[in-house]
C-alpha atoms as a PDB file:
ATOM      1  CA  UNK A   1      16.851  18.624  20.312  1.00  0.00           C
ATOM      2  CA  UNK A   2      17.722  14.947  20.840  1.00  0.00           C
ATOM      3  CA  UNK A   3      20.274  13.690  18.364  1.00  0.00           C
ATOM      4  CA  UNK A   4      20.355   9.932  17.520  1.00  0.00           C
ATOM      5  CA  UNK A   5      22.678   7.933  15.440  1.00  0.00           C
ATOM      6  CA  UNK A   6      20.771   5.232  13.563  1.00  0.00           C
ATOM      7  CA  UNK A   7      23.923   3.089  13.426  1.00  0.00           C
ATOM      8  CA  UNK A   8      23.809   2.811  17.220  1.00  0.00           C
ATOM      9  CA  UNK A   9      20.126   1.619  17.223  1.00  0.00           C
ATOM     10  CA  UNK A  10      18.818  -1.833  16.372  1.00  0.00           C
ATOM     11  CA  UNK A  11      16.236  -2.513  13.727  1.00  0.00           C
ATOM     12  CA  UNK A  12      13.393  -2.564  16.201  1.00  0.00           C
ATOM     13  CA  UNK A  13      14.337   0.993  17.578  1.00  0.00           C
ATOM     14  CA  UNK A  14      14.752   2.291  14.098  1.00  0.00           C
ATOM     15  CA  UNK A  15      11.292   1.009  13.043  1.00  0.00           C
ATOM     16  CA  UNK A  16       9.802   2.389  16.298  1.00  0.00           C
ATOM     17  CA  UNK A  17      11.141   5.931  15.533  1.00  0.00           C
ATOM     18  CA  UNK A  18      10.505   6.093  11.840  1.00  0.00           C
ATOM     19  CA  UNK A  19       7.028   4.627  11.950  1.00  0.00           C
ATOM     20  CA  UNK A  20       6.047   7.365  14.435  1.00  0.00           C
ATOM     21  CA  UNK A  21       7.843  10.086  12.454  1.00  0.00           C
ATOM     22  CA  UNK A  22       6.689   9.371   8.935  1.00  0.00           C
ATOM     23  CA  UNK A  23       2.922   9.711   9.561  1.00  0.00           C
ATOM     24  CA  UNK A  24       0.307   9.287   8.288  1.00  0.00           C
ATOM     25  CA  UNK A  25       1.177   6.525   5.774  1.00  0.00           C
ATOM     26  CA  UNK A  26      -1.258   5.357   3.258  1.00  0.00           C
ATOM     27  CA  UNK A  27      -2.247   1.666   3.228  1.00  0.00           C
ATOM     28  CA  UNK A  28      -1.989  -0.444   0.142  1.00  0.00           C
ATOM     29  CA  UNK A  29      -3.884  -3.725   0.290  1.00  0.00           C
ATOM     30  CA  UNK A  30      -2.099  -5.872  -2.277  1.00  0.00           C
ATOM     31  CA  UNK A  31      -3.355  -9.032  -4.005  1.00  0.00           C
ATOM     32  CA  UNK A  32      -0.906 -11.402  -5.822  1.00  0.00           C
ATOM     33  CA  UNK A  33      -1.221 -14.862  -7.348  1.00  0.00           C
ATOM     34  CA  UNK A  34       1.081 -17.697  -6.668  1.00  0.00           C
ATOM     35  CA  UNK A  35       1.335 -21.395  -7.243  1.00  0.00           C
ATOM     36  CA  UNK A  36      -0.962 -22.049  -4.317  1.00  0.00           C
ATOM     37  CA  UNK A  37      -3.443 -19.478  -5.156  1.00  0.00           C
ATOM     38  CA  UNK A  38      -4.143 -15.776  -4.282  1.00  0.00           C
ATOM     39  CA  UNK A  39      -2.867 -13.788  -1.453  1.00  0.00           C
ATOM     40  CA  UNK A  40      -3.849 -10.506   0.161  1.00  0.00           C
ATOM     41  CA  UNK A  41      -1.691  -8.412   2.490  1.00  0.00           C
ATOM     42  CA  UNK A  42      -1.735  -4.751   3.563  1.00  0.00           C
ATOM     43  CA  UNK A  43       1.353  -2.562   3.456  1.00  0.00           C
ATOM     44  CA  UNK A  44       1.932   0.885   5.005  1.00  0.00           C
ATOM     45  CA  UNK A  45       5.358   1.069   3.245  1.00  0.00           C
ATOM     46  CA  UNK A  46       3.341   2.104   0.114  1.00  0.00           C
ATOM     47  CA  UNK A  47       3.067   5.263  -2.008  1.00  0.00           C
ATOM     48  CA  UNK A  48       2.968   6.689  -5.410  1.00  0.00           C
ATOM     49  CA  UNK A  49       6.385   7.320  -6.963  1.00  0.00           C
ATOM     50  CA  UNK A  50       5.965   8.384 -10.629  1.00  0.00           C
ATOM     51  CA  UNK A  51       3.598   9.360 -13.428  1.00  0.00           C
ATOM     52  CA  UNK A  52       3.911   9.000 -17.209  1.00  0.00           C
ATOM     53  CA  UNK A  53       3.532   6.068 -16.713  1.00  0.00           C
ATOM     54  CA  UNK A  54       1.985   6.025 -13.264  1.00  0.00           C
ATOM     55  CA  UNK A  55       3.966   3.899 -10.808  1.00  0.00           C
ATOM     56  CA  UNK A  56       3.445   2.920  -7.168  1.00  0.00           C
ATOM     57  CA  UNK A  57       5.718   1.116  -4.675  1.00  0.00           C
ATOM     58  CA  UNK A  58       5.487  -1.287  -1.790  1.00  0.00           C
ATOM     59  CA  UNK A  59       8.274  -2.468   0.521  1.00  0.00           C
ATOM     60  CA  UNK A  60       8.459  -5.253   3.120  1.00  0.00           C
ATOM     61  CA  UNK A  61      10.834  -7.058   5.268  1.00  0.00           C
ATOM     62  CA  UNK A  62      11.166 -10.909   5.223  1.00  0.00           C
ATOM     63  CA  UNK A  63       9.112 -12.969   7.705  1.00  0.00           C
ATOM     64  CA  UNK A  64      12.458 -14.335   9.022  1.00  0.00           C
ATOM     65  CA  UNK A  65      16.074 -14.376   7.734  1.00  0.00           C
ATOM     66  CA  UNK A  66      15.849 -16.097   4.302  1.00  0.00           C
ATOM     67  CA  UNK A  67      12.097 -16.428   4.415  1.00  0.00           C
ATOM     68  CA  UNK A  68      10.243 -14.039   2.181  1.00  0.00           C
ATOM     69  CA  UNK A  69       6.607 -12.873   2.851  1.00  0.00           C
ATOM     70  CA  UNK A  70       3.943 -14.463   0.688  1.00  0.00           C
ATOM     71  CA  UNK A  71       3.569 -11.260  -1.475  1.00  0.00           C
ATOM     72  CA  UNK A  72       7.232 -11.323  -2.470  1.00  0.00           C
ATOM     73  CA  UNK A  73       7.109 -15.148  -3.147  1.00  0.00           C
ATOM     74  CA  UNK A  74       4.153 -14.779  -5.335  1.00  0.00           C
ATOM     75  CA  UNK A  75       5.717 -11.850  -7.242  1.00  0.00           C
ATOM     76  CA  UNK A  76       8.755 -14.011  -8.010  1.00  0.00           C
ATOM     77  CA  UNK A  77       6.361 -16.456  -9.758  1.00  0.00           C
ATOM     78  CA  UNK A  78       4.095 -13.918 -11.312  1.00  0.00           C
ATOM     79  CA  UNK A  79       5.247 -10.297 -11.418  1.00  0.00           C
ATOM     80  CA  UNK A  80       1.796  -8.739 -11.342  1.00  0.00           C
ATOM     81  CA  UNK A  81      -0.272  -7.302  -8.407  1.00  0.00           C
ATOM     82  CA  UNK A  82      -3.305  -5.163  -7.644  1.00  0.00           C
ATOM     83  CA  UNK A  83      -3.116  -2.443  -5.050  1.00  0.00           C
ATOM     84  CA  UNK A  84      -6.367  -1.418  -3.221  1.00  0.00           C
ATOM     85  CA  UNK A  85      -6.939   1.757  -1.245  1.00  0.00           C
ATOM     86  CA  UNK A  86      -8.524   0.773   2.044  1.00  0.00           C
ATOM     87  CA  UNK A  87     -11.556   2.781   3.197  1.00  0.00           C
ATOM     88  CA  UNK A  88     -13.031   2.721   6.665  1.00  0.00           C
ATOM     89  CA  UNK A  89     -15.845   0.190   6.094  1.00  0.00           C
ATOM     90  CA  UNK A  90     -13.263  -2.413   5.011  1.00  0.00           C
ATOM     91  CA  UNK A  91     -10.709  -1.815   7.875  1.00  0.00           C
ATOM     92  CA  UNK A  92     -11.554  -4.946   9.778  1.00  0.00           C
ATOM     93  CA  UNK A  93     -11.283  -7.123   6.637  1.00  0.00           C
ATOM     94  CA  UNK A  94      -8.010  -5.505   5.793  1.00  0.00           C
ATOM     95  CA  UNK A  95      -6.816  -6.178   9.303  1.00  0.00           C
ATOM     96  CA  UNK A  96      -7.590  -9.810   9.059  1.00  0.00           C
ATOM     97  CA  UNK A  97      -5.311  -9.964   6.014  1.00  0.00           C
ATOM     98  CA  UNK A  98      -2.338  -8.707   8.022  1.00  0.00           C
ATOM     99  CA  UNK A  99      -2.042 -11.907  10.056  1.00  0.00           C
ATOM    100  CA  UNK A 100       1.028 -14.170   9.625  1.00  0.00           C
ATOM    101  CA  UNK A 101      -1.053 -16.857   7.932  1.00  0.00           C
ATOM    102  CA  UNK A 102       0.751 -19.939   6.533  1.00  0.00           C
ATOM    103  CA  UNK A 103       1.730 -19.808   2.761  1.00  0.00           C
ATOM    104  CA  UNK A 104      -1.052 -20.868   0.587  1.00  0.00           C
ATOM    105  CA  UNK A 105      -3.943 -19.551   2.972  1.00  0.00           C
ATOM    106  CA  UNK A 106      -6.352 -17.482   0.872  1.00  0.00           C
ATOM    107  CA  UNK A 107      -6.734 -14.256   3.030  1.00  0.00           C
ATOM    108  CA  UNK A 108      -9.456 -13.028   0.589  1.00  0.00           C
ATOM    109  CA  UNK A 109     -11.715 -15.892   1.637  1.00  0.00           C
ATOM    110  CA  UNK A 110     -10.726 -15.669   5.335  1.00  0.00           C
ATOM    111  CA  UNK A 111     -11.632 -11.890   5.374  1.00  0.00           C
ATOM    112  CA  UNK A 112     -14.808 -12.375   3.384  1.00  0.00           C
ATOM    113  CA  UNK A 113     -13.790 -10.048   0.520  1.00  0.00           C
ATOM    114  CA  UNK A 114     -15.625 -10.181  -2.817  1.00  0.00           C
ATOM    115  CA  UNK A 115     -13.352 -10.403  -5.808  1.00  0.00           C
ATOM    116  CA  UNK A 116     -13.505 -10.093  -9.615  1.00  0.00           C
ATOM    117  CA  UNK A 117     -11.047 -10.767 -12.472  1.00  0.00           C
ATOM    118  CA  UNK A 118      -8.703  -7.927 -13.290  1.00  0.00           C
ATOM    119  CA  UNK A 119      -8.578  -6.568 -16.752  1.00  0.00           C
ATOM    120  CA  UNK A 120      -4.877  -6.711 -17.605  1.00  0.00           C
ATOM    121  CA  UNK A 121      -3.201  -8.693 -14.780  1.00  0.00           C
ATOM    122  CA  UNK A 122      -3.979 -12.105 -13.429  1.00  0.00           C
ATOM    123  CA  UNK A 123      -4.243 -11.557  -9.609  1.00  0.00           C
ATOM    124  CA  UNK A 124      -7.895 -10.826  -8.689  1.00  0.00           C
ATOM    125  CA  UNK A 125      -9.137  -7.399  -7.521  1.00  0.00           C
ATOM    126  CA  UNK A 126     -11.139  -6.760  -4.428  1.00  0.00           C
ATOM    127  CA  UNK A 127     -14.420  -5.129  -5.552  1.00  0.00           C
ATOM    128  CA  UNK A 128     -15.271  -4.151  -1.928  1.00  0.00           C
ATOM    129  CA  UNK A 129     -12.433  -1.507  -2.086  1.00  0.00           C
ATOM    130  CA  UNK A 130     -13.234   1.864  -3.607  1.00  0.00           C
ATOM    131  CA  UNK A 131      -9.981   2.113  -5.652  1.00  0.00           C
ATOM    132  CA  UNK A 132      -8.184  -0.790  -7.444  1.00  0.00           C
ATOM    133  CA  UNK A 133      -4.918  -0.286  -9.268  1.00  0.00           C
ATOM    134  CA  UNK A 134      -3.691  -3.146 -11.490  1.00  0.00           C
ATOM    135  CA  UNK A 135       0.074  -3.146 -11.690  1.00  0.00           C
ATOM    136  CA  UNK A 136       2.916  -5.008 -13.355  1.00  0.00           C
ATOM    137  CA  UNK A 137       6.392  -5.149 -11.700  1.00  0.00           C
ATOM    138  CA  UNK A 138       8.698  -2.545 -13.200  1.00  0.00           C
ATOM    139  CA  UNK A 139      11.538  -2.647 -10.799  1.00  0.00           C
ATOM    140  CA  UNK A 140      12.726  -4.640  -7.757  1.00  0.00           C
ATOM    141  CA  UNK A 141      15.298  -3.470  -5.221  1.00  0.00           C
ATOM    142  CA  UNK A 142      16.755  -5.085  -2.078  1.00  0.00           C
ATOM    143  CA  UNK A 143      17.419  -2.483   0.564  1.00  0.00           C
ATOM    144  CA  UNK A 144      19.327  -2.669   3.838  1.00  0.00           C
ATOM    145  CA  UNK A 145      20.776  -5.647   5.660  1.00  0.00           C
ATOM    146  CA  UNK A 146      17.583  -7.657   6.339  1.00  0.00           C
ATOM    147  CA  UNK A 147      17.033  -6.954   3.369  1.00  0.00           C
ATOM    148  CA  UNK A 148      13.848  -5.170   2.598  1.00  0.00           C
ATOM    149  CA  UNK A 149      12.172  -5.837  -0.744  1.00  0.00           C
ATOM    150  CA  UNK A 150      10.979  -2.669  -2.651  1.00  0.00           C
ATOM    151  CA  UNK A 151       8.771  -3.335  -5.500  1.00  0.00           C
ATOM    152  CA  UNK A 152       7.803  -0.651  -8.009  1.00  0.00           C
ATOM    153  CA  UNK A 153       4.798  -1.395 -10.172  1.00  0.00           C
ATOM    154  CA  UNK A 154       3.549   0.304 -13.352  1.00  0.00           C
ATOM    155  CA  UNK A 155      -0.236   0.918 -13.050  1.00  0.00           C
ATOM    156  CA  UNK A 156      -1.808  -0.513 -16.199  1.00  0.00           C
ATOM    157  CA  UNK A 157      -5.450  -0.130 -15.215  1.00  0.00           C
ATOM    158  CA  UNK A 158      -7.339   1.883 -12.646  1.00  0.00           C
ATOM    159  CA  UNK A 159     -10.804   1.103 -11.151  1.00  0.00           C
ATOM    160  CA  UNK A 160     -12.791   3.720  -9.266  1.00  0.00           C
ATOM    161  CA  UNK A 161     -16.170   3.504  -7.379  1.00  0.00           C
ATOM    162  CA  UNK A 162     -18.624   5.407  -9.602  1.00  0.00           C
ATOM    163  CA  UNK A 163     -19.763   7.619  -6.605  1.00  0.00           C
ATOM    164  CA  UNK A 164     -16.119   8.755  -6.016  1.00  0.00           C
ATOM    165  CA  UNK A 165     -15.032  10.204  -9.406  1.00  0.00           C
ATOM    166  CA  UNK A 166     -16.402  12.714 -11.796  1.00  0.00           C
ATOM    167  CA  UNK A 167     -15.859  11.167 -15.275  1.00  0.00           C
ATOM    168  CA  UNK A 168     -15.543  14.446 -17.110  1.00  0.00           C
ATOM    169  CA  UNK A 169     -13.023  16.225 -14.744  1.00  0.00           C
ATOM    170  CA  UNK A 170     -11.459  13.021 -13.235  1.00  0.00           C
ATOM    171  CA  UNK A 171     -11.940  14.793  -9.864  1.00  0.00           C
ATOM    172  CA  UNK A 172     -12.041  12.292  -6.958  1.00  0.00           C
ATOM    173  CA  UNK A 173     -14.192  13.037  -3.907  1.00  0.00           C
ATOM    174  CA  UNK A 174     -11.406  12.465  -1.403  1.00  0.00           C
ATOM    175  CA  UNK A 175     -13.571  12.965   1.736  1.00  0.00           C
ATOM    176  CA  UNK A 176     -16.053  10.409   0.381  1.00  0.00           C
ATOM    177  CA  UNK A 177     -13.194   7.979  -0.182  1.00  0.00           C
ATOM    178  CA  UNK A 178     -12.726   7.648   3.738  1.00  0.00           C
ATOM    179  CA  UNK A 179      -9.264   6.288   3.229  1.00  0.00           C
ATOM    180  CA  UNK A 180      -7.379   4.739   6.159  1.00  0.00           C
ATOM    181  CA  UNK A 181      -3.786   5.515   7.167  1.00  0.00           C
ATOM    182  CA  UNK A 182      -1.111   4.000   9.462  1.00  0.00           C
ATOM    183  CA  UNK A 183       0.475   5.771  12.351  1.00  0.00           C
ATOM    184  CA  UNK A 184       3.020   4.464  14.910  1.00  0.00           C
ATOM    185  CA  UNK A 185       3.828   0.933  15.685  1.00  0.00           C
ATOM    186  CA  UNK A 186       1.969  -2.148  14.521  1.00  0.00           C
ATOM    187  CA  UNK A 187      -1.597  -1.309  15.609  1.00  0.00           C
ATOM    188  CA  UNK A 188      -2.321   2.315  15.313  1.00  0.00           C
ATOM    189  CA  UNK A 189      -4.378   3.855  12.403  1.00  0.00           C
ATOM    190  CA  UNK A 190      -5.821   7.115  11.298  1.00  0.00           C
ATOM    191  CA  UNK A 191      -8.963   8.341   9.625  1.00  0.00           C
ATOM    192  CA  UNK A 192      -8.873  11.096   6.863  1.00  0.00           C
ATOM    193  CA  UNK A 193     -11.349  13.387   8.620  1.00  0.00           C
ATOM    194  CA  UNK A 194      -9.590  16.809   8.787  1.00  0.00           C
ATOM    195  CA  UNK A 195      -8.631  18.761   5.715  1.00  0.00           C
ATOM    196  CA  UNK A 196      -7.379  22.385   4.999  1.00  0.00           C
ATOM    197  CA  UNK A 197      -5.909  24.238   2.012  1.00  0.00           C
ATOM    198  CA  UNK A 198      -3.010  26.476   1.572  1.00  0.00           C
ATOM    199  CA  UNK A 199      -2.336  28.241  -1.688  1.00  0.00           C
ATOM    200  CA  UNK A 200       1.260  27.685  -3.057  1.00  0.00           C
ATOM    201  CA  UNK A 201       3.217  30.926  -3.148  1.00  0.00           C
ATOM    202  CA  UNK A 202       3.882  32.528  -6.493  1.00  0.00           C
ATOM    203  CA  UNK A 203       7.612  33.387  -6.965  1.00  0.00           C
ATOM    204  CA  UNK A 204       8.274  37.086  -7.050  1.00  0.00           C
ATOM    205  CA  UNK A 205       5.268  38.143  -5.124  1.00  0.00           C
ATOM    206  CA  UNK A 206       6.665  37.731  -1.663  1.00  0.00           C
ATOM    207  CA  UNK A 207       6.274  40.773   0.637  1.00  0.00           C
ATOM    208  CA  UNK A 208       9.358  42.334   2.144  1.00  0.00           C
END
């Protein structure tokens, strides 16, 4: 085994190692609304973190020292957002939203996404995406020396494409979702194309 001390590595080296270790990571395409209009940006530092109530998180570094990314700037003005699960047909549009566009550029228009008003929050939702989670900011934390901004949002409304969900059982057809994931570095992605099941062991039934 190779043993590494993170304290002896710079931020780029730490990111290189962690982004290739914690894989695959789901992609959350986040819309926010600020003084200069809507913004859309994908995050691979994204996941679910709680239920009752349901909560999700995103986390991002600043563009430069003291210069926050547009998503964080907008959340400072309006602490509401919509997280979208990105499917394979929308991967190119999602990628367009990842560019370092100047503040005020509407990535939704640039990517050609179709939007609709949200039900309980003010940022728009992207109707092209198969799952849309309307959120209100519940917690904000600054982590590390850069620092990273971690935002925890309470999910207040969920939208699902009709063909993906059984209304009676609330079962989601995950293979049909065709969700995208992130792998190592800045430009490597994964498709959800291989699945298997393993039953969880029942305590007390282990064989000697």
